[in-house]
Amino acid sequence: MCRLVGLLLFLAGSGGLLAQKILAMRLHTQALQEMNQSLLRLHNAVAMRYLPIDLALRQETQECAPWLGAYYDAIRGRAGEHQASRVLQVLQEGERGALQKRVSAEESRLFIHALGALFGVRSPGEDRAFLAYYRQFDEIQKQDYMTKKERQKVTAAVMGTGFMMLLLLLL
């Protein structure tokens, strides 16, 4: 009886940890995808339709995820008041809460630099810096996807081995 109770507690705890890890990976991937789509929409508005960045951020706030919209609201007013050289500093200050909870420091840094590069776009062809940062950000997203696949394989193998060990303990 004690073995059965121990087994059930172990399985429940393992299942809870697994579910928590899967949810965290999904939220991280979803955040990266939302940031990626948002950067593309902002690039389209600023570099293709020649909207001022303030207006593009205002429009994007309505289309993107609420947490990203809150970040854009926080930086929209402050970034417009500063010179182009200080825009990155303003973006990093606004980032502390919203982005750090969802993505890694490297992903956050690339996102901020890509967004900061859009503040300098005034005419066609000035989006080279943005494109460079965006490519790096997109590559990180692809690597994250591949890493996620590998983690799922390892998790399945470890769970299978653990389950077999538990069955041997019951015998």
N, C-alpha and C. Protein backbone atom coordinates (compact mmCIF):
# COMPACT_ATOMS: atom_id res chain seq x y z
N MET A 1 0.82 -1.19 0.00
CA MET A 1 0.00 0.00 0.00
C MET A 1 0.87 1.27 0.00
N CYS A 2 1.91 1.22 0.82
CA CYS A 2 2.81 2.38 0.89
C CYS A 2 3.51 2.62 -0.44
N ARG A 3 3.88 1.54 -1.11
CA ARG A 3 4.52 1.68 -2.42
C ARG A 3 3.57 2.34 -3.42
N LEU A 4 2.32 1.95 -3.37
CA LEU A 4 1.33 2.50 -4.29
C LEU A 4 1.11 3.99 -4.03
N VAL A 5 1.02 4.37 -2.77
CA VAL A 5 0.86 5.78 -2.43
C VAL A 5 2.10 6.57 -2.85
N GLY A 6 3.26 6.02 -2.60
CA GLY A 6 4.50 6.67 -3.02
C GLY A 6 4.58 6.83 -4.52
N LEU A 7 4.16 5.79 -5.23
CA LEU A 7 4.15 5.84 -6.69
C LEU A 7 3.20 6.91 -7.20
N LEU A 8 2.02 6.97 -6.62
CA LEU A 8 1.04 7.98 -7.03
C LEU A 8 1.54 9.40 -6.75
N LEU A 9 2.15 9.60 -5.59
CA LEU A 9 2.70 10.92 -5.28
C LEU A 9 3.84 11.30 -6.23
N PHE A 10 4.68 10.32 -6.52
CA PHE A 10 5.78 10.58 -7.45
C PHE A 10 5.26 10.92 -8.83
N LEU A 11 4.28 10.17 -9.33
CA LEU A 11 3.71 10.43 -10.65
C LEU A 11 3.00 11.77 -10.70
N ALA A 12 2.27 12.11 -9.65
CA ALA A 12 1.58 13.40 -9.62
C ALA A 12 2.58 14.56 -9.60
N GLY A 13 3.62 14.44 -8.81
CA GLY A 13 4.65 15.49 -8.77
C GLY A 13 5.38 15.62 -10.09
N SER A 14 5.74 14.49 -10.68
CA SER A 14 6.42 14.52 -11.98
C SER A 14 5.53 15.10 -13.06
N GLY A 15 4.27 14.71 -13.05
CA GLY A 15 3.33 15.25 -14.03
C GLY A 15 3.15 16.75 -13.88
N GLY A 16 3.09 17.22 -12.65
CA GLY A 16 2.95 18.66 -12.41
C GLY A 16 4.17 19.43 -12.89
N LEU A 17 5.36 18.91 -12.61
CA LEU A 17 6.58 19.57 -13.08
C LEU A 17 6.66 19.58 -14.60
N LEU A 18 6.28 18.47 -15.21
CA LEU A 18 6.29 18.38 -16.66
C LEU A 18 5.31 19.38 -17.27
N ALA A 19 4.11 19.45 -16.73
CA ALA A 19 3.11 20.39 -17.24
C ALA A 19 3.60 21.83 -17.09
N GLN A 20 4.23 22.15 -15.98
CA GLN A 20 4.76 23.50 -15.76
C GLN A 20 5.86 23.83 -16.76
N LYS A 21 6.73 22.89 -17.03
CA LYS A 21 7.82 23.10 -17.98
C LYS A 21 7.28 23.27 -19.40
N ILE A 22 6.30 22.47 -19.78
CA ILE A 22 5.71 22.58 -21.11
C ILE A 22 5.02 23.93 -21.27
N LEU A 23 4.31 24.38 -20.24
CA LEU A 23 3.64 25.67 -20.31
C LEU A 23 4.65 26.81 -20.44
N ALA A 24 5.74 26.73 -19.70
CA ALA A 24 6.76 27.78 -19.78
C ALA A 24 7.38 27.83 -21.18
N MET A 25 7.64 26.66 -21.78
CA MET A 25 8.21 26.63 -23.13
C MET A 25 7.23 27.20 -24.15
N ARG A 26 5.95 26.88 -24.00
CA ARG A 26 4.94 27.41 -24.92
C ARG A 26 4.81 28.91 -24.81
N LEU A 27 4.81 29.42 -23.58
CA LEU A 27 4.71 30.87 -23.38
C LEU A 27 5.92 31.60 -23.97
N HIS A 28 7.10 31.01 -23.81
CA HIS A 28 8.31 31.60 -24.35
C HIS A 28 8.26 31.64 -25.88
N THR A 29 7.86 30.53 -26.48
CA THR A 29 7.76 30.46 -27.94
C THR A 29 6.70 31.43 -28.45
N GLN A 30 5.58 31.51 -27.75
CA GLN A 30 4.51 32.43 -28.14
C GLN A 30 4.97 33.88 -28.04
N ALA A 31 5.73 34.21 -27.00
CA ALA A 31 6.25 35.57 -26.85
C ALA A 31 7.21 35.91 -27.98
N LEU A 32 8.09 34.98 -28.35
CA LEU A 32 9.01 35.22 -29.46
C LEU A 32 8.26 35.43 -30.77
N GLN A 33 7.23 34.64 -31.00
CA GLN A 33 6.45 34.79 -32.23
C GLN A 33 5.73 36.13 -32.26
N GLU A 34 5.17 36.53 -31.14
CA GLU A 34 4.47 37.82 -31.08
C GLU A 34 5.44 38.98 -31.31
N MET A 35 6.62 38.90 -30.71
CA MET A 35 7.62 39.95 -30.91
C MET A 35 8.07 40.00 -32.36
N ASN A 36 8.25 38.84 -32.98
CA ASN A 36 8.66 38.75 -34.37
C ASN A 36 7.61 39.39 -35.28
N GLN A 37 6.36 39.02 -35.09
CA GLN A 37 5.28 39.59 -35.91
C GLN A 37 5.15 41.09 -35.69
N SER A 38 5.31 41.52 -34.46
CA SER A 38 5.22 42.94 -34.16
C SER A 38 6.32 43.73 -34.86
N LEU A 39 7.54 43.20 -34.84
CA LEU A 39 8.64 43.87 -35.53
C LEU A 39 8.36 43.98 -37.03
N LEU A 40 7.82 42.92 -37.60
CA LEU A 40 7.50 42.97 -39.03
C LEU A 40 6.42 44.01 -39.33
N ARG A 41 5.39 44.07 -38.50
CA ARG A 41 4.33 45.06 -38.72
C ARG A 41 4.87 46.48 -38.56
N LEU A 42 5.72 46.69 -37.56
CA LEU A 42 6.31 48.03 -37.37
C LEU A 42 7.22 48.39 -38.53
N HIS A 43 7.99 47.44 -39.01
CA HIS A 43 8.87 47.70 -40.16
C HIS A 43 8.05 48.06 -41.38
N ASN A 44 6.96 47.35 -41.59
CA ASN A 44 6.09 47.65 -42.73
C ASN A 44 5.51 49.06 -42.61
N ALA A 45 5.11 49.43 -41.41
CA ALA A 45 4.51 50.76 -41.21
C ALA A 45 5.54 51.87 -41.39
N VAL A 46 6.73 51.67 -40.85
CA VAL A 46 7.74 52.74 -40.85
C VAL A 46 8.52 52.79 -42.16
N ALA A 47 9.00 51.64 -42.62
CA ALA A 47 9.90 51.63 -43.78
C ALA A 47 9.16 51.55 -45.11
N MET A 48 7.96 50.98 -45.11
CA MET A 48 7.24 50.83 -46.37
C MET A 48 6.15 51.88 -46.57
N ARG A 49 5.43 52.17 -45.46
CA ARG A 49 4.34 53.16 -45.57
C ARG A 49 4.77 54.54 -45.07
N TYR A 50 5.97 54.66 -44.53
CA TYR A 50 6.57 55.93 -44.08
C TYR A 50 5.75 56.62 -43.01
N LEU A 51 5.19 55.84 -42.10
CA LEU A 51 4.49 56.42 -40.95
C LEU A 51 5.52 56.84 -39.91
N PRO A 52 5.25 57.90 -39.16
CA PRO A 52 6.14 58.23 -38.04
C PRO A 52 6.11 57.10 -37.02
N ILE A 53 7.22 56.87 -36.36
CA ILE A 53 7.31 55.75 -35.43
C ILE A 53 6.29 55.86 -34.31
N ASP A 54 5.99 57.07 -33.87
CA ASP A 54 5.01 57.25 -32.80
C ASP A 54 3.63 56.75 -33.23
N LEU A 55 3.23 57.09 -34.43
CA LEU A 55 1.95 56.62 -34.96
C LEU A 55 1.96 55.11 -35.19
N ALA A 56 3.07 54.59 -35.69
CA ALA A 56 3.19 53.14 -35.90
C ALA A 56 3.10 52.38 -34.58
N LEU A 57 3.74 52.91 -33.53
CA LEU A 57 3.66 52.27 -32.21
C LEU A 57 2.23 52.33 -31.67
N ARG A 58 1.56 53.43 -31.88
CA ARG A 58 0.17 53.57 -31.43
C ARG A 58 -0.71 52.52 -32.12
N GLN A 59 -0.55 52.34 -33.42
CA GLN A 59 -1.32 51.33 -34.14
C GLN A 59 -0.97 49.93 -33.69
N GLU A 60 0.31 49.70 -33.49
CA GLU A 60 0.77 48.36 -33.09
C GLU A 60 0.27 48.00 -31.69
N THR A 61 0.13 48.99 -30.84
CA THR A 61 -0.38 48.75 -29.49
C THR A 61 -1.76 48.11 -29.53
N GLN A 62 -2.54 48.48 -30.52
CA GLN A 62 -3.89 47.93 -30.64
C GLN A 62 -3.89 46.52 -31.25
N GLU A 63 -2.87 46.17 -32.01
CA GLU A 63 -2.85 44.88 -32.71
C GLU A 63 -2.08 43.78 -31.97
N CYS A 64 -1.14 44.14 -31.14
CA CYS A 64 -0.26 43.14 -30.55
C CYS A 64 -0.82 42.62 -29.22
N ALA A 65 -0.06 41.73 -28.61
CA ALA A 65 -0.44 41.16 -27.32
C ALA A 65 -0.46 42.28 -26.26
N PRO A 66 -1.33 42.14 -25.26
CA PRO A 66 -1.45 43.20 -24.25
C PRO A 66 -0.13 43.54 -23.53
N TRP A 67 0.69 42.54 -23.23
CA TRP A 67 1.94 42.81 -22.53
C TRP A 67 2.91 43.59 -23.40
N LEU A 68 2.91 43.32 -24.70
CA LEU A 68 3.77 44.05 -25.62
C LEU A 68 3.20 45.45 -25.88
N GLY A 69 1.88 45.56 -25.92
CA GLY A 69 1.24 46.86 -26.07
C GLY A 69 1.55 47.77 -24.89
N ALA A 70 1.58 47.20 -23.70
CA ALA A 70 1.92 48.00 -22.51
C ALA A 70 3.36 48.51 -22.60
N TYR A 71 4.25 47.67 -23.12
CA TYR A 71 5.65 48.09 -23.32
C TYR A 71 5.71 49.23 -24.32
N TYR A 72 4.99 49.11 -25.43
CA TYR A 72 4.99 50.17 -26.44
C TYR A 72 4.40 51.46 -25.89
N ASP A 73 3.36 51.35 -25.09
CA ASP A 73 2.79 52.55 -24.47
C ASP A 73 3.80 53.23 -23.55
N ALA A 74 4.55 52.41 -22.81
CA ALA A 74 5.52 52.97 -21.87
C ALA A 74 6.65 53.70 -22.59
N ILE A 75 7.05 53.22 -23.74
CA ILE A 75 8.19 53.84 -24.42
C ILE A 75 7.77 54.90 -25.42
N ARG A 76 6.52 54.87 -25.87
CA ARG A 76 6.10 55.75 -26.97
C ARG A 76 6.32 57.22 -26.64
N GLY A 77 5.86 57.66 -25.52
CA GLY A 77 6.01 59.07 -25.17
C GLY A 77 7.44 59.45 -24.84
N ARG A 78 8.12 58.59 -24.10
CA ARG A 78 9.48 58.93 -23.67
C ARG A 78 10.48 58.92 -24.81
N ALA A 79 10.35 57.99 -25.75
CA ALA A 79 11.32 57.89 -26.84
C ALA A 79 11.21 59.07 -27.78
N GLY A 80 10.02 59.61 -27.97
CA GLY A 80 9.85 60.74 -28.86
C GLY A 80 10.48 62.01 -28.32
N GLU A 81 10.62 62.09 -27.01
CA GLU A 81 11.18 63.29 -26.38
C GLU A 81 12.70 63.33 -26.44
N HIS A 82 13.34 62.22 -26.71
CA HIS A 82 14.81 62.13 -26.65
C HIS A 82 15.42 62.12 -28.04
N GLN A 83 16.70 62.41 -28.05
CA GLN A 83 17.46 62.36 -29.30
C GLN A 83 17.64 60.91 -29.72
N ALA A 84 17.97 60.72 -30.97
CA ALA A 84 18.14 59.37 -31.51
C ALA A 84 19.20 58.58 -30.75
N SER A 85 20.23 59.24 -30.26
CA SER A 85 21.30 58.55 -29.55
C SER A 85 20.82 57.99 -28.20
N ARG A 86 19.78 58.58 -27.65
CA ARG A 86 19.28 58.13 -26.35
C ARG A 86 18.10 57.18 -26.46
N VAL A 87 17.62 56.92 -27.67
CA VAL A 87 16.44 56.08 -27.84
C VAL A 87 16.68 54.68 -27.29
N LEU A 88 17.85 54.11 -27.54
CA LEU A 88 18.14 52.76 -27.03
C LEU A 88 18.09 52.71 -25.51
N GLN A 89 18.57 53.75 -24.87
CA GLN A 89 18.53 53.80 -23.42
C GLN A 89 17.08 53.83 -22.93
N VAL A 90 16.24 54.60 -23.59
CA VAL A 90 14.83 54.67 -23.21
C VAL A 90 14.15 53.32 -23.44
N LEU A 91 14.48 52.66 -24.55
CA LEU A 91 13.89 51.35 -24.84
C LEU A 91 14.31 50.33 -23.78
N GLN A 92 15.57 50.38 -23.35
CA GLN A 92 16.04 49.43 -22.35
C GLN A 92 15.41 49.70 -20.99
N GLU A 93 15.17 50.95 -20.67
CA GLU A 93 14.52 51.27 -19.40
C GLU A 93 13.08 50.78 -19.39
N GLY A 94 12.39 50.91 -20.52
CA GLY A 94 11.01 50.44 -20.60
C GLY A 94 10.92 48.93 -20.61
N GLU A 95 12.00 48.26 -20.94
CA GLU A 95 12.02 46.81 -21.11
C GLU A 95 12.07 46.06 -19.80
N ARG A 96 12.53 46.66 -18.76
CA ARG A 96 12.87 45.92 -17.55
C ARG A 96 11.78 44.98 -17.07
N GLY A 97 10.53 45.40 -17.13
CA GLY A 97 9.47 44.54 -16.61
C GLY A 97 8.83 43.66 -17.65
N ALA A 98 8.46 44.24 -18.77
CA ALA A 98 7.63 43.53 -19.75
C ALA A 98 8.36 42.39 -20.45
N LEU A 99 9.54 42.64 -20.92
CA LEU A 99 10.23 41.63 -21.73
C LEU A 99 11.00 40.62 -20.91
N GLN A 100 11.56 41.04 -19.80
CA GLN A 100 12.41 40.14 -19.02
C GLN A 100 11.65 38.93 -18.49
N LYS A 101 10.35 39.08 -18.27
CA LYS A 101 9.57 37.96 -17.75
C LYS A 101 9.34 36.89 -18.80
N ARG A 102 9.45 37.25 -20.08
CA ARG A 102 9.04 36.33 -21.14
C ARG A 102 10.17 35.79 -22.00
N VAL A 103 11.26 36.54 -22.15
CA VAL A 103 12.33 36.11 -23.05
C VAL A 103 13.68 36.27 -22.36
N SER A 104 14.70 35.68 -22.97
CA SER A 104 16.05 35.76 -22.40
C SER A 104 16.64 37.15 -22.63
N ALA A 105 17.76 37.40 -21.99
CA ALA A 105 18.43 38.70 -22.12
C ALA A 105 18.90 38.95 -23.55
N GLU A 106 19.41 37.92 -24.21
CA GLU A 106 19.89 38.07 -25.59
C GLU A 106 18.73 38.36 -26.54
N GLU A 107 17.63 37.66 -26.38
CA GLU A 107 16.46 37.91 -27.22
C GLU A 107 15.92 39.31 -26.99
N SER A 108 15.89 39.72 -25.75
CA SER A 108 15.43 41.05 -25.41
C SER A 108 16.34 42.12 -26.02
N ARG A 109 17.65 41.89 -25.94
CA ARG A 109 18.62 42.85 -26.49
C ARG A 109 18.44 43.01 -28.00
N LEU A 110 18.30 41.90 -28.72
CA LEU A 110 18.12 41.98 -30.16
C LEU A 110 16.80 42.66 -30.53
N PHE A 111 15.75 42.37 -29.79
CA PHE A 111 14.46 43.00 -30.03
C PHE A 111 14.56 44.52 -29.84
N ILE A 112 15.21 44.92 -28.77
CA ILE A 112 15.35 46.36 -28.48
C ILE A 112 16.18 47.05 -29.55
N HIS A 113 17.27 46.43 -29.98
CA HIS A 113 18.10 47.04 -31.01
C HIS A 113 17.37 47.13 -32.35
N ALA A 114 16.61 46.10 -32.69
CA ALA A 114 15.82 46.15 -33.93
C ALA A 114 14.77 47.25 -33.84
N LEU A 115 14.11 47.35 -32.71
CA LEU A 115 13.11 48.40 -32.52
C LEU A 115 13.76 49.78 -32.54
N GLY A 116 14.92 49.90 -31.91
CA GLY A 116 15.64 51.17 -31.91
C GLY A 116 16.09 51.58 -33.30
N ALA A 117 16.42 50.60 -34.14
CA ALA A 117 16.83 50.91 -35.51
C ALA A 117 15.67 51.50 -36.31
N LEU A 118 14.45 51.14 -35.96
CA LEU A 118 13.29 51.69 -36.66
C LEU A 118 13.09 53.17 -36.35
N PHE A 119 13.58 53.62 -35.20
CA PHE A 119 13.43 55.03 -34.84
C PHE A 119 14.26 55.93 -35.76
N GLY A 120 15.26 55.38 -36.41
CA GLY A 120 16.10 56.18 -37.28
C GLY A 120 15.70 56.15 -38.75
N VAL A 121 14.68 55.37 -39.10
CA VAL A 121 14.28 55.23 -40.50
C VAL A 121 13.45 56.45 -40.92
N ARG A 122 13.97 57.19 -41.90
CA ARG A 122 13.27 58.37 -42.40
C ARG A 122 13.02 58.30 -43.90
N SER A 123 13.80 57.47 -44.60
CA SER A 123 13.66 57.37 -46.05
C SER A 123 13.98 55.95 -46.49
N PRO A 124 13.68 55.60 -47.73
CA PRO A 124 13.94 54.23 -48.21
C PRO A 124 15.42 53.86 -48.09
N GLY A 125 15.67 52.64 -47.72
CA GLY A 125 17.04 52.15 -47.63
C GLY A 125 17.70 52.37 -46.29
N GLU A 126 17.05 53.08 -45.39
CA GLU A 126 17.64 53.34 -44.07
C GLU A 126 17.31 52.24 -43.07
N ASP A 127 16.75 51.15 -43.54
CA ASP A 127 16.34 50.09 -42.63
C ASP A 127 17.35 48.94 -42.58
N ARG A 128 18.56 49.17 -43.03
CA ARG A 128 19.58 48.09 -43.04
C ARG A 128 19.91 47.61 -41.64
N ALA A 129 20.03 48.53 -40.71
CA ALA A 129 20.35 48.14 -39.33
C ALA A 129 19.22 47.29 -38.76
N PHE A 130 17.99 47.70 -39.02
CA PHE A 130 16.85 46.91 -38.54
C PHE A 130 16.90 45.50 -39.12
N LEU A 131 17.13 45.40 -40.42
CA LEU A 131 17.14 44.08 -41.07
C LEU A 131 18.23 43.18 -40.49
N ALA A 132 19.37 43.76 -40.16
CA ALA A 132 20.45 42.97 -39.57
C ALA A 132 20.04 42.42 -38.21
N TYR A 133 19.48 43.28 -37.35
CA TYR A 133 19.03 42.83 -36.03
C TYR A 133 17.86 41.86 -36.15
N TYR A 134 16.97 42.12 -37.10
CA TYR A 134 15.82 41.24 -37.27
C TYR A 134 16.25 39.84 -37.70
N ARG A 135 17.22 39.76 -38.58
CA ARG A 135 17.72 38.44 -39.01
C ARG A 135 18.29 37.65 -37.82
N GLN A 136 19.04 38.35 -36.97
CA GLN A 136 19.59 37.70 -35.79
C GLN A 136 18.47 37.24 -34.85
N PHE A 137 17.47 38.10 -34.67
CA PHE A 137 16.34 37.76 -33.80
C PHE A 137 15.57 36.56 -34.37
N ASP A 138 15.38 36.55 -35.67
CA ASP A 138 14.68 35.45 -36.33
C ASP A 138 15.47 34.15 -36.21
N GLU A 139 16.78 34.24 -36.32
CA GLU A 139 17.64 33.06 -36.17
C GLU A 139 17.54 32.49 -34.76
N ILE A 140 17.49 33.35 -33.77
CA ILE A 140 17.34 32.88 -32.39
C ILE A 140 16.00 32.18 -32.22
N GLN A 141 14.96 32.70 -32.85
CA GLN A 141 13.65 32.07 -32.77
C GLN A 141 13.69 30.68 -33.40
N LYS A 142 14.38 30.54 -34.52
CA LYS A 142 14.50 29.23 -35.17
C LYS A 142 15.30 28.25 -34.29
N GLN A 143 16.37 28.75 -33.66
CA GLN A 143 17.16 27.90 -32.77
C GLN A 143 16.32 27.47 -31.57
N ASP A 144 15.50 28.38 -31.07
CA ASP A 144 14.63 28.06 -29.94
C ASP A 144 13.66 26.94 -30.32
N TYR A 145 13.15 26.97 -31.52
CA TYR A 145 12.24 25.93 -32.00
C TYR A 145 12.94 24.58 -32.07
N MET A 146 14.16 24.57 -32.60
CA MET A 146 14.92 23.32 -32.70
C MET A 146 15.27 22.78 -31.30
N THR A 147 15.64 23.68 -30.40
CA THR A 147 15.96 23.29 -29.04
C THR A 147 14.73 22.70 -28.36
N LYS A 148 13.59 23.28 -28.63
CA LYS A 148 12.35 22.79 -28.05
C LYS A 148 12.07 21.36 -28.50
N LYS A 149 12.29 21.09 -29.76
CA LYS A 149 12.09 19.73 -30.28
C LYS A 149 13.02 18.75 -29.56
N GLU A 150 14.28 19.12 -29.41
CA GLU A 150 15.24 18.25 -28.74
C GLU A 150 14.86 18.03 -27.29
N ARG A 151 14.41 19.07 -26.62
CA ARG A 151 14.00 18.93 -25.22
C ARG A 151 12.82 17.98 -25.08
N GLN A 152 11.90 18.04 -26.03
CA GLN A 152 10.75 17.14 -25.98
C GLN A 152 11.20 15.69 -26.11
N LYS A 153 12.17 15.43 -26.98
CA LYS A 153 12.67 14.06 -27.15
C LYS A 153 13.34 13.57 -25.86
N VAL A 154 14.16 14.43 -25.27
CA VAL A 154 14.86 14.06 -24.03
C VAL A 154 13.85 13.83 -22.91
N THR A 155 12.86 14.69 -22.81
CA THR A 155 11.85 14.55 -21.78
C THR A 155 11.09 13.24 -21.93
N ALA A 156 10.73 12.91 -23.15
CA ALA A 156 10.02 11.65 -23.39
C ALA A 156 10.89 10.45 -23.01
N ALA A 157 12.16 10.50 -23.34
CA ALA A 157 13.07 9.40 -23.00
C ALA A 157 13.23 9.26 -21.49
N VAL A 158 13.40 10.37 -20.80
CA VAL A 158 13.57 10.34 -19.34
C VAL A 158 12.30 9.85 -18.67
N MET A 159 11.15 10.30 -19.14
CA MET A 159 9.89 9.84 -18.54
C MET A 159 9.69 8.35 -18.77
N GLY A 160 10.02 7.87 -19.96
CA GLY A 160 9.90 6.45 -20.23
C GLY A 160 10.78 5.63 -19.33
N THR A 161 12.02 6.06 -19.15
CA THR A 161 12.95 5.36 -18.27
C THR A 161 12.47 5.40 -16.82
N GLY A 162 12.00 6.55 -16.39
CA GLY A 162 11.48 6.68 -15.03
C GLY A 162 10.27 5.81 -14.79
N PHE A 163 9.40 5.72 -15.76
CA PHE A 163 8.22 4.89 -15.62
C PHE A 163 8.60 3.42 -15.54
N MET A 164 9.57 3.02 -16.35
CA MET A 164 10.04 1.63 -16.28
C MET A 164 10.64 1.31 -14.93
N MET A 165 11.40 2.25 -14.38
CA MET A 165 12.00 2.04 -13.05
C MET A 165 10.91 1.90 -11.98
N LEU A 166 9.88 2.70 -12.09
CA LEU A 166 8.79 2.62 -11.13
C LEU A 166 8.07 1.28 -11.22
N LEU A 167 7.89 0.81 -12.44
CA LEU A 167 7.27 -0.51 -12.59
C LEU A 167 8.11 -1.61 -11.97
N LEU A 168 9.42 -1.50 -12.12
CA LEU A 168 10.31 -2.49 -11.50
C LEU A 168 10.24 -2.43 -9.97
N LEU A 169 10.06 -1.21 -9.43
CA LEU A 169 9.94 -1.07 -7.99
C LEU A 169 8.66 -1.72 -7.47
N LEU A 170 7.61 -1.67 -8.25
CA LEU A 170 6.35 -2.27 -7.81
C LEU A 170 6.38 -3.79 -7.84
N LEU A 171 7.20 -4.33 -8.70
CA LEU A 171 7.25 -5.80 -8.80
C LEU A 171 7.93 -6.42 -7.65
